[in-house]
Amino acid sequence: MHTVNKNILGKWISVALLSITTAAACAQSDPSARAEDAVPSAQQSQTAQTPPSATSAAPMSATLMETTPTSSTLPDTGMPASTEGMAAPQADAATPPPQLAMPIAVDVSDKAGIAKDSLLRAQILLDRAHFSPGEIDGAGGSNTRKAIAGFQRSKNLPDNGELDAATWAALDAGGAALVSYTLTVEDVAGPFNAIPADMMAKSKLAALGYTSVEEALGEKFHSSPALLQTLNAGKDMSQAGTELVVPNVTDIAAPAKAAKVIVDKSDLTVALADAGGTVFAQFPASTGSKNDPLPIGDWKVTGVARNPDFHYNPKLFWDANPKHSKAKIPAGPNNPVGTVWVDLSKEHYGIHGTPEPSRISKSESHGCIRLTNWTANMLAASVSPGTPALLQE
């Protein structure tokens, strides 16, 4: 592995360049079509709440980085990597951040046939409270139980992970759960293209954008595409002007600045805590594997790269196709580390997004910490250079 310096642009450094020592990216792979790891190079700064548009992602001039192989028998992982220096452009402070079209905040749960005590409402209200259940799907599971327990602790309630009366009372203060939303021209404009599994084929694309309007809307509303289709059966999601029922998550306020980031290996979560140690946000995460464990210890955040692209070197991967050659993998929400990369002071490690939000905490990584794109962006907005990051068992 190599250790070098690079410059990465973070939202919190505005027009200044931050010189940092980078960490490398981890990615996950599918048993049938493994996604090789790649290393991010910084792109223009984006807002934390709005994942960058893949169709507008433009590659930057940078000294790019490559990965270092590790031995693993796990089919469903990514790996830490070595890095080489890269530079990011200065931010344009005069350019306002892009704005989402906001749903009308009138709860339509009853009209949609969703009970007030439904698991779906709980997932949405947890997400609004910064205790993410991961991808909202109405089905629940371990990520939802962890979110409930974390929320309960933040409210000084018994952390049983159950939706009891006291928990519902606290959640119901979070506002509307399901709201009406009218599709805009931008929502349906695309382009939406299939993304090949092969890394060489990916490298030939201009960007790794969304594959469908359903996938784009799923990310926008922190939801599984299947849930949105169920809530809007019979409606044409390809037409601007179509009125949908969606989770009320686009107006969530950014979390406060964190005094510490806590990555918990046993709980598979990433939490943000204040100076008194109180956790005010929690996200499900994938954190390492048996062969490439989470690097336990006290580290620090060193920088953020938004909308990163990657260099792929097949010689550094034990499971790479021997016919592959080096390639630049373009930016977009469907690249191996999603839409944001948060560097840690532990060499070759960071916290990042994912192209597969439904698999968060369900698949393993090679040491790095993987979140959904929207929670990774939320975390990126909450940290600053030097923010402590505790990685614990």
Protein backbone atom coordinates (compact mmCIF):
# COMPACT_ATOMS: atom_id res chain seq x y z
CA MET A 1 0.00 0.00 0.00
CA HIS A 2 1.07 3.58 -0.65
CA THR A 3 0.66 6.59 1.61
CA VAL A 4 0.44 9.97 -0.08
CA ASN A 5 -1.25 13.34 0.30
CA LYS A 6 -4.22 14.62 -1.65
CA ASN A 7 -6.60 17.57 -1.71
CA ILE A 8 -10.30 16.88 -1.23
CA LEU A 9 -13.08 19.40 -1.34
CA GLY A 10 -15.59 19.22 1.48
CA LYS A 11 -18.80 21.17 1.88
CA TRP A 12 -17.50 22.66 5.09
CA ILE A 13 -14.35 24.14 3.53
CA SER A 14 -16.26 26.32 1.03
CA VAL A 15 -13.64 27.93 -1.24
CA ALA A 16 -10.52 26.51 0.41
CA LEU A 17 -8.65 23.34 -0.49
CA LEU A 18 -7.99 20.81 2.21
CA SER A 19 -4.80 18.75 2.03
CA ILE A 20 -5.39 15.34 3.56
CA THR A 21 -4.17 11.80 3.54
CA THR A 22 -6.80 9.79 1.73
CA ALA A 23 -8.43 6.49 2.49
CA ALA A 24 -9.42 4.02 -0.17
CA ALA A 25 -12.85 2.82 -1.17
CA CYS A 26 -14.55 -0.44 -0.44
CA ALA A 27 -17.30 -1.91 -2.56
CA GLN A 28 -19.56 -4.89 -2.38
CA SER A 29 -20.02 -7.57 -4.97
CA ASP A 30 -22.85 -9.76 -6.00
CA PRO A 31 -22.32 -13.55 -6.07
CA SER A 32 -23.45 -13.59 -9.68
CA ALA A 33 -21.80 -10.35 -10.78
CA ARG A 34 -19.18 -9.08 -8.36
CA ALA A 35 -18.55 -5.34 -8.21
CA GLU A 36 -14.82 -4.78 -7.91
CA ASP A 37 -13.53 -2.10 -5.57
CA ALA A 38 -12.43 1.27 -6.76
CA VAL A 39 -10.98 4.40 -5.25
CA PRO A 40 -12.65 7.80 -5.28
CA SER A 41 -11.32 10.99 -6.76
CA ALA A 42 -13.04 14.19 -5.66
CA GLN A 43 -15.79 15.78 -7.70
CA GLN A 44 -17.54 19.10 -7.24
CA SER A 45 -19.16 19.57 -3.84
CA GLN A 46 -22.86 18.68 -3.63
CA THR A 47 -25.48 19.30 -0.96
CA ALA A 48 -25.70 16.59 1.68
CA GLN A 49 -29.43 16.12 1.34
CA THR A 50 -29.49 15.83 -2.46
CA PRO A 51 -27.56 12.99 -4.11
CA PRO A 52 -25.85 14.42 -7.22
CA SER A 53 -27.38 13.82 -10.60
CA ALA A 54 -25.54 11.04 -12.33
CA THR A 55 -26.38 12.42 -15.73
CA SER A 56 -24.51 15.64 -15.01
CA ALA A 57 -21.48 14.07 -13.37
CA ALA A 58 -18.36 15.28 -15.15
CA PRO A 59 -14.97 13.64 -14.66
CA MET A 60 -12.31 15.83 -13.07
CA SER A 61 -8.67 16.20 -13.65
CA ALA A 62 -6.97 14.36 -10.81
CA THR A 63 -4.15 12.06 -9.94
CA LEU A 64 -6.11 8.88 -9.47
CA MET A 65 -5.66 5.98 -7.11
CA GLU A 66 -5.57 2.23 -7.18
CA THR A 67 -6.34 -0.54 -4.77
CA THR A 68 -4.29 -3.11 -2.90
CA PRO A 69 -5.58 -6.70 -2.88
CA THR A 70 -6.41 -8.69 0.19
CA SER A 71 -7.18 -12.38 0.44
CA SER A 72 -10.80 -13.26 1.05
CA THR A 73 -13.16 -16.11 0.40
CA LEU A 74 -16.28 -14.02 0.93
CA PRO A 75 -18.23 -13.49 -2.32
CA ASP A 76 -20.17 -10.50 -1.02
CA THR A 77 -17.58 -7.92 -0.07
CA GLY A 78 -15.35 -5.04 -1.03
CA MET A 79 -11.84 -4.32 0.16
CA PRO A 80 -9.66 -1.53 1.50
CA ALA A 81 -7.22 -0.06 -0.95
CA SER A 82 -4.09 2.00 -1.22
CA THR A 83 -4.23 5.52 -2.63
CA GLU A 84 -2.39 8.13 -4.59
CA GLY A 85 -2.74 11.90 -4.50
CA MET A 86 -5.58 13.81 -6.08
CA ALA A 87 -6.80 17.39 -6.19
CA ALA A 88 -10.25 18.95 -6.07
CA PRO A 89 -11.40 22.27 -7.55
CA GLN A 90 -12.45 25.24 -5.50
CA ALA A 91 -16.13 25.54 -4.67
CA ASP A 92 -18.22 28.25 -6.26
CA ALA A 93 -19.62 29.95 -3.17
CA ALA A 94 -21.99 32.03 -5.30
CA THR A 95 -23.78 28.99 -6.69
CA PRO A 96 -26.77 28.00 -4.52
CA PRO A 97 -27.32 24.31 -3.84
CA PRO A 98 -29.95 22.53 -5.95
CA GLN A 99 -33.38 22.34 -4.36
CA LEU A 100 -35.73 19.39 -4.25
CA ALA A 101 -39.36 19.83 -5.18
CA MET A 102 -41.07 19.53 -1.80
CA PRO A 103 -44.23 17.48 -1.23
CA ILE A 104 -47.20 19.16 0.37
CA ALA A 105 -46.85 18.25 4.06
CA VAL A 106 -50.39 16.95 4.54
CA ASP A 107 -50.51 13.37 5.79
CA VAL A 108 -52.37 11.15 3.32
CA SER A 109 -51.81 7.87 5.16
CA ASP A 110 -55.55 7.31 5.64
CA LYS A 111 -56.31 7.97 1.97
CA ALA A 112 -53.55 5.54 1.01
CA GLY A 113 -55.03 2.88 3.29
CA ILE A 114 -52.05 2.96 5.65
CA ALA A 115 -52.88 2.52 9.35
CA LYS A 116 -51.60 5.06 11.85
CA ASP A 117 -49.78 2.28 13.71
CA SER A 118 -48.29 0.66 10.62
CA LEU A 119 -44.66 -0.33 10.35
CA LEU A 120 -44.40 1.82 7.22
CA ARG A 121 -45.38 4.95 9.14
CA ALA A 122 -42.88 4.05 11.84
CA GLN A 123 -40.07 3.66 9.31
CA ILE A 124 -40.82 7.05 7.76
CA LEU A 125 -41.05 8.84 11.10
CA LEU A 126 -37.81 7.18 12.25
CA ASP A 127 -36.12 8.39 9.07
CA ARG A 128 -37.43 11.92 9.73
CA ALA A 129 -36.00 11.73 13.25
CA HIS A 130 -32.52 10.82 11.85
CA PHE A 131 -32.78 7.23 13.09
CA SER A 132 -32.75 5.58 9.70
CA PRO A 133 -34.22 2.12 9.08
CA GLY A 134 -32.24 2.04 5.84
CA GLU A 135 -34.33 1.63 2.73
CA ILE A 136 -37.98 2.22 3.68
CA ASP A 137 -39.94 -0.83 2.55
CA GLY A 138 -42.86 -1.28 4.94
CA ALA A 139 -41.60 -4.75 5.81
CA GLY A 140 -39.24 -4.03 8.67
CA GLY A 141 -36.45 -6.29 9.88
CA SER A 142 -33.22 -5.89 11.83
CA ASN A 143 -32.45 -2.40 10.52
CA THR A 144 -35.87 -1.16 11.62
CA ARG A 145 -35.55 -2.76 15.06
CA LYS A 146 -32.15 -1.10 15.53
CA ALA A 147 -33.59 2.24 14.46
CA ILE A 148 -36.47 1.91 16.95
CA ALA A 149 -34.08 1.02 19.78
CA GLY A 150 -31.75 3.90 18.94
CA PHE A 151 -34.66 6.33 18.80
CA GLN A 152 -35.95 5.03 22.13
CA ARG A 153 -32.56 5.62 23.78
CA SER A 154 -32.51 9.17 22.43
CA LYS A 155 -35.87 9.78 24.12
CA ASN A 156 -34.89 8.06 27.38
CA LEU A 157 -37.37 5.25 26.73
CA PRO A 158 -36.74 1.53 27.30
CA ASP A 159 -34.79 0.41 24.24
CA ASN A 160 -36.77 -2.76 23.53
CA GLY A 161 -36.98 -2.15 19.78
CA GLU A 162 -40.76 -2.44 19.92
CA LEU A 163 -43.38 0.06 18.82
CA ASP A 164 -45.08 0.51 22.17
CA ALA A 165 -47.38 3.37 23.10
CA ALA A 166 -44.63 5.60 24.47
CA THR A 167 -42.54 5.15 21.34
CA TRP A 168 -45.50 5.96 19.08
CA ALA A 169 -46.21 9.07 21.09
CA ALA A 170 -42.63 10.26 20.56
CA LEU A 171 -42.63 9.34 16.87
CA ASP A 172 -45.94 11.06 16.14
CA ALA A 173 -44.32 14.38 16.97
CA GLY A 174 -42.30 13.99 13.77
CA GLY A 175 -45.00 15.28 11.41
CA ALA A 176 -46.70 13.79 8.35
CA ALA A 177 -45.55 10.37 7.18
CA LEU A 178 -47.05 9.93 3.71
CA VAL A 179 -47.64 12.93 1.48
CA SER A 180 -48.70 13.75 -2.06
CA TYR A 181 -46.01 14.54 -4.61
CA THR A 182 -46.37 15.57 -8.25
CA LEU A 183 -43.69 14.30 -10.60
CA THR A 184 -41.63 17.03 -12.24
CA VAL A 185 -40.05 17.13 -15.68
CA GLU A 186 -36.66 16.69 -14.00
CA ASP A 187 -37.85 13.57 -12.17
CA VAL A 188 -38.69 11.73 -15.38
CA ALA A 189 -36.12 13.26 -17.76
CA GLY A 190 -33.43 10.61 -17.33
CA PRO A 191 -31.58 9.37 -19.24
CA PHE A 192 -32.16 6.00 -17.57
CA ASN A 193 -29.88 3.27 -18.86
CA ALA A 194 -29.07 -0.29 -17.89
CA ILE A 195 -25.71 -0.65 -16.16
CA PRO A 196 -23.60 -3.68 -17.07
CA ALA A 197 -22.02 -5.78 -14.33
CA ASP A 198 -18.66 -5.94 -16.12
CA MET A 199 -16.19 -3.27 -15.01
CA MET A 200 -14.76 -2.80 -18.50
CA ALA A 201 -18.23 -2.15 -19.85
CA LYS A 202 -18.96 0.26 -17.00
CA SER A 203 -15.82 2.24 -17.79
CA LYS A 204 -17.17 2.99 -21.27
CA LEU A 205 -20.24 4.78 -19.91
CA ALA A 206 -20.34 8.55 -19.41
CA ALA A 207 -21.81 8.17 -15.93
CA LEU A 208 -23.27 5.48 -13.68
CA GLY A 209 -26.68 7.07 -13.39
CA TYR A 210 -30.02 5.64 -12.37
CA THR A 211 -31.35 2.72 -14.35
CA SER A 212 -35.02 3.73 -14.11
CA VAL A 213 -37.29 6.48 -12.86
CA GLU A 214 -38.39 4.06 -10.12
CA GLU A 215 -34.81 3.70 -8.87
CA ALA A 216 -34.29 7.47 -8.94
CA LEU A 217 -37.50 8.08 -7.02
CA GLY A 218 -36.62 5.32 -4.57
CA GLU A 219 -33.40 7.13 -3.69
CA LYS A 220 -35.14 10.50 -3.57
CA PHE A 221 -37.70 9.19 -1.10
CA HIS A 222 -35.37 6.79 0.77
CA SER A 223 -37.58 3.91 -0.31
CA SER A 224 -37.57 0.65 -2.18
CA PRO A 225 -38.90 1.04 -5.73
CA ALA A 226 -41.29 -1.82 -4.95
CA LEU A 227 -42.85 0.15 -2.09
CA LEU A 228 -43.44 3.18 -4.32
CA GLN A 229 -45.05 0.99 -6.93
CA THR A 230 -47.31 -0.57 -4.30
CA LEU A 231 -48.34 2.82 -2.94
CA ASN A 232 -49.05 4.05 -6.47
CA ALA A 233 -50.47 1.02 -8.23
CA GLY A 234 -51.73 1.83 -11.69
CA LYS A 235 -50.05 5.23 -11.86
CA ASP A 236 -47.64 6.16 -14.64
CA MET A 237 -44.35 7.12 -13.04
CA SER A 238 -42.84 8.07 -16.37
CA GLN A 239 -45.05 11.13 -16.86
CA ALA A 240 -44.50 14.55 -15.35
CA GLY A 241 -47.64 15.73 -13.60
CA THR A 242 -48.51 12.33 -12.14
CA GLU A 243 -49.49 12.65 -8.49
CA LEU A 244 -47.91 10.08 -6.21
CA VAL A 245 -48.10 9.07 -2.57
CA VAL A 246 -44.56 9.10 -1.14
CA PRO A 247 -42.71 9.03 2.20
CA ASN A 248 -42.35 12.54 3.60
CA VAL A 249 -38.54 12.65 3.74
CA THR A 250 -37.42 15.40 1.37
CA ASP A 251 -37.82 18.22 3.89
CA ILE A 252 -35.81 16.61 6.69
CA ALA A 253 -33.54 19.13 8.38
CA ALA A 254 -29.84 18.35 8.31
CA PRO A 255 -28.57 16.85 11.57
CA ALA A 256 -26.56 18.98 13.94
CA LYS A 257 -22.77 19.05 13.76
CA ALA A 258 -21.40 15.90 15.35
CA ALA A 259 -18.85 15.94 18.14
CA LYS A 260 -18.11 12.28 17.41
CA VAL A 261 -18.91 9.56 14.88
CA ILE A 262 -19.39 6.10 16.42
CA VAL A 263 -19.18 3.01 14.21
CA ASP A 264 -20.44 -0.08 16.04
CA LYS A 265 -19.31 -3.41 14.59
CA SER A 266 -21.65 -5.62 16.63
CA ASP A 267 -24.72 -3.45 16.04
CA LEU A 268 -23.87 -2.65 12.40
CA THR A 269 -24.65 1.03 12.88
CA VAL A 270 -23.04 4.44 12.51
CA ALA A 271 -24.12 7.03 15.06
CA LEU A 272 -23.60 10.78 15.46
CA ALA A 273 -23.15 12.03 19.02
CA ASP A 274 -23.00 15.46 20.62
CA ALA A 275 -20.31 16.70 23.01
CA GLY A 276 -22.10 15.09 25.94
CA GLY A 277 -22.11 11.70 24.26
CA THR A 278 -25.83 11.71 23.42
CA VAL A 279 -26.58 10.04 20.10
CA PHE A 280 -28.84 12.21 17.93
CA ALA A 281 -28.66 10.26 14.65
CA GLN A 282 -28.12 6.60 13.75
CA PHE A 283 -27.79 4.80 10.42
CA PRO A 284 -27.53 1.09 9.54
CA ALA A 285 -24.18 0.13 8.03
CA SER A 286 -22.08 -2.65 6.55
CA THR A 287 -18.78 -2.81 8.46
CA GLY A 288 -16.00 -5.15 7.42
CA SER A 289 -15.74 -8.93 7.36
CA LYS A 290 -13.83 -11.79 8.99
CA ASN A 291 -11.00 -11.50 6.49
CA ASP A 292 -10.91 -7.72 6.46
CA PRO A 293 -12.25 -6.57 9.82
CA LEU A 294 -13.28 -3.09 10.81
CA PRO A 295 -10.15 -1.25 12.05
CA ILE A 296 -11.11 -0.86 15.69
CA GLY A 297 -9.76 2.29 17.31
CA ASP A 298 -9.94 6.06 17.56
CA TRP A 299 -9.58 7.86 14.23
CA LYS A 300 -10.58 11.21 12.77
CA VAL A 301 -12.48 12.48 9.76
CA THR A 302 -10.07 14.11 7.32
CA GLY A 303 -12.23 15.12 4.36
CA VAL A 304 -15.11 14.48 1.99
CA ALA A 305 -15.17 13.66 -1.73
CA ARG A 306 -18.57 14.08 -3.36
CA ASN A 307 -19.68 12.37 -6.54
CA PRO A 308 -16.42 10.41 -6.82
CA ASP A 309 -15.18 8.46 -9.80
CA PHE A 310 -12.68 5.60 -9.63
CA HIS A 311 -9.63 3.90 -11.09
CA TYR A 312 -9.86 0.15 -11.35
CA ASN A 313 -6.75 -2.04 -11.52
CA PRO A 314 -7.61 -5.73 -12.01
CA LYS A 315 -4.09 -6.85 -11.05
CA LEU A 316 -4.84 -5.82 -7.49
CA PHE A 317 -7.95 -8.00 -7.11
CA TRP A 318 -7.79 -11.68 -6.34
CA ASP A 319 -11.14 -12.33 -8.04
CA ALA A 320 -10.80 -10.03 -11.06
CA ASN A 321 -11.35 -11.19 -14.60
CA PRO A 322 -7.84 -11.88 -15.99
CA LYS A 323 -8.92 -10.30 -19.27
CA HIS A 324 -9.59 -6.96 -17.60
CA SER A 325 -7.28 -3.96 -17.86
CA LYS A 326 -6.98 -0.75 -15.88
CA ALA A 327 -10.01 1.50 -16.28
CA LYS A 328 -11.60 4.66 -14.95
CA ILE A 329 -15.05 3.97 -13.54
CA PRO A 330 -17.28 7.04 -13.89
CA ALA A 331 -19.21 8.82 -11.16
CA GLY A 332 -22.86 8.41 -10.33
CA PRO A 333 -25.19 6.89 -7.74
CA ASN A 334 -24.52 3.41 -9.12
CA ASN A 335 -20.74 3.42 -8.75
CA PRO A 336 -19.17 1.19 -6.07
CA VAL A 337 -19.07 3.85 -3.33
CA GLY A 338 -22.16 5.77 -4.27
CA THR A 339 -22.33 9.55 -4.15
CA VAL A 340 -20.00 10.47 -1.28
CA TRP A 341 -16.77 9.33 0.39
CA VAL A 342 -15.78 10.45 3.92
CA ASP A 343 -12.06 9.95 4.57
CA LEU A 344 -10.78 8.62 7.87
CA SER A 345 -7.29 9.09 9.30
CA LYS A 346 -6.84 5.31 9.24
CA GLU A 347 -5.08 4.78 5.94
CA HIS A 348 -7.20 3.23 3.19
CA TYR A 349 -10.49 3.46 5.09
CA GLY A 350 -13.58 5.63 4.89
CA ILE A 351 -17.35 5.88 5.16
CA HIS A 352 -19.23 5.91 1.87
CA GLY A 353 -22.46 5.35 -0.04
CA THR A 354 -23.64 2.39 -2.07
CA PRO A 355 -25.42 1.54 -5.33
CA GLU A 356 -27.50 -1.09 -3.49
CA PRO A 357 -29.29 0.44 -0.48
CA SER A 358 -31.37 -2.67 0.19
CA ARG A 359 -28.22 -4.60 1.10
CA ILE A 360 -26.92 -2.27 3.81
CA SER A 361 -25.97 -4.36 6.89
CA LYS A 362 -26.96 -7.45 4.90
CA SER A 363 -23.64 -7.78 3.05
CA GLU A 364 -20.05 -7.46 4.25
CA SER A 365 -17.25 -5.10 3.26
CA HIS A 366 -13.48 -5.28 3.46
CA GLY A 367 -13.15 -2.98 6.44
CA CYS A 368 -14.77 0.22 5.14
CA ILE A 369 -18.13 1.48 6.35
CA ARG A 370 -20.98 1.48 3.86
CA LEU A 371 -24.23 3.48 4.22
CA THR A 372 -27.09 4.32 1.90
CA ASN A 373 -26.30 7.29 -0.31
CA TRP A 374 -28.75 9.52 1.55
CA THR A 375 -27.45 8.68 5.02
CA ALA A 376 -23.83 8.95 3.84
CA ASN A 377 -24.59 12.45 2.56
CA MET A 378 -26.33 13.28 5.84
CA LEU A 379 -23.28 12.16 7.78
CA ALA A 380 -20.96 14.10 5.47
CA ALA A 381 -22.90 17.29 6.25
CA SER A 382 -22.56 16.68 9.98
CA VAL A 383 -18.78 16.25 10.22
CA SER A 384 -15.81 18.56 9.94
CA PRO A 385 -12.06 18.01 9.57
CA GLY A 386 -10.87 16.53 12.81
CA THR A 387 -14.22 15.13 13.95
CA PRO A 388 -13.35 12.05 16.06
CA ALA A 389 -14.47 8.69 14.70
CA LEU A 390 -14.63 5.82 17.15
CA LEU A 391 -14.71 2.38 15.50
CA GLN A 392 -15.70 -0.12 18.18
CA GLU A 393 -16.56 -3.79 18.58
